[in-house]
Amino acid sequence: MPRYQYLLEQAERAERLAKSALDALTVERLMAFAADCRREITQVSQKEA
């Protein structure tokens, strides 16, 4: 599995979990993780281009 695909799956999973989380801190951390994954996806895709 390519790195960008793995990161995309992780970001999507974190975003789904954040929608069902009741704890504000958990939501914040999941969304921050998803944002980090999406930033890394951008970096990975730029290196491959």
C-alpha atoms as a PDB file:
ATOM      1  CA  MET A   1       0.000   0.000   0.000  1.00  0.00           C
ATOM      2  CA  PRO A   2       1.463   3.378  -0.965  1.00  0.00           C
ATOM      3  CA  ARG A   3       2.245   5.756   1.899  1.00  0.00           C
ATOM      4  CA  TYR A   4      -0.262   8.384   0.722  1.00  0.00           C
ATOM      5  CA  GLN A   5      -3.056   5.793   0.670  1.00  0.00           C
ATOM      6  CA  TYR A   6      -2.225   4.679   4.205  1.00  0.00           C
ATOM      7  CA  LEU A   7      -2.210   8.298   5.393  1.00  0.00           C
ATOM      8  CA  LEU A   8      -5.512   9.004   3.662  1.00  0.00           C
ATOM      9  CA  GLU A   9      -7.143   6.015   5.357  1.00  0.00           C
ATOM     10  CA  GLN A  10      -5.804   7.128   8.734  1.00  0.00           C
ATOM     11  CA  ALA A  11      -7.070  10.686   8.223  1.00  0.00           C
ATOM     12  CA  GLU A  12     -10.512   9.479   7.188  1.00  0.00           C
ATOM     13  CA  ARG A  13     -10.688   7.074  10.130  1.00  0.00           C
ATOM     14  CA  ALA A  14      -9.705   9.800  12.599  1.00  0.00           C
ATOM     15  CA  GLU A  15     -12.328  12.154  11.146  1.00  0.00           C
ATOM     16  CA  ARG A  16     -15.036   9.484  11.431  1.00  0.00           C
ATOM     17  CA  LEU A  17     -14.070   8.762  15.027  1.00  0.00           C
ATOM     18  CA  ALA A  18     -14.090  12.471  15.849  1.00  0.00           C
ATOM     19  CA  LYS A  19     -17.719  12.722  14.696  1.00  0.00           C
ATOM     20  CA  SER A  20     -18.806  10.151  17.268  1.00  0.00           C
ATOM     21  CA  ALA A  21     -16.529  11.172  20.133  1.00  0.00           C
ATOM     22  CA  LEU A  22     -18.154  12.862  23.103  1.00  0.00           C
ATOM     23  CA  ASP A  23     -15.009  14.256  24.680  1.00  0.00           C
ATOM     24  CA  ALA A  24     -13.879  17.613  23.272  1.00  0.00           C
ATOM     25  CA  LEU A  25     -10.197  16.832  23.885  1.00  0.00           C
ATOM     26  CA  THR A  26     -10.492  13.557  21.988  1.00  0.00           C
ATOM     27  CA  VAL A  27     -12.182  15.310  19.071  1.00  0.00           C
ATOM     28  CA  GLU A  28      -9.453  17.960  19.045  1.00  0.00           C
ATOM     29  CA  ARG A  29      -6.667  15.379  19.035  1.00  0.00           C
ATOM     30  CA  LEU A  30      -8.273  13.229  16.353  1.00  0.00           C
ATOM     31  CA  MET A  31      -8.807  16.233  14.095  1.00  0.00           C
ATOM     32  CA  ALA A  32      -5.218  17.379  14.679  1.00  0.00           C
ATOM     33  CA  PHE A  33      -3.980  13.906  13.748  1.00  0.00           C
ATOM     34  CA  ALA A  34      -6.119  13.941  10.596  1.00  0.00           C
ATOM     35  CA  ALA A  35      -4.737  17.344   9.641  1.00  0.00           C
ATOM     36  CA  ASP A  36      -1.175  16.084  10.169  1.00  0.00           C
ATOM     37  CA  CYS A  37      -1.889  13.100   7.932  1.00  0.00           C
ATOM     38  CA  ARG A  38      -3.316  15.326   5.211  1.00  0.00           C
ATOM     39  CA  ARG A  39      -0.262  17.619   5.394  1.00  0.00           C
ATOM     40  CA  GLU A  40       2.017  14.626   5.023  1.00  0.00           C
ATOM     41  CA  ILE A  41      -0.053  13.395   2.065  1.00  0.00           C
ATOM     42  CA  THR A  42       0.656  16.729   0.368  1.00  0.00           C
ATOM     43  CA  GLN A  43       4.374  16.411   1.071  1.00  0.00           C
ATOM     44  CA  VAL A  44       4.515  12.816  -0.152  1.00  0.00           C
ATOM     45  CA  SER A  45       2.636  13.638  -3.351  1.00  0.00           C
ATOM     46  CA  GLN A  46       4.944  16.601  -4.059  1.00  0.00           C
ATOM     47  CA  LYS A  47       8.023  14.390  -3.682  1.00  0.00           C
ATOM     48  CA  GLU A  48       6.573  11.812  -6.056  1.00  0.00           C
ATOM     49  CA  ALA A  49       5.695  14.410  -8.707  1.00  0.00           C
END
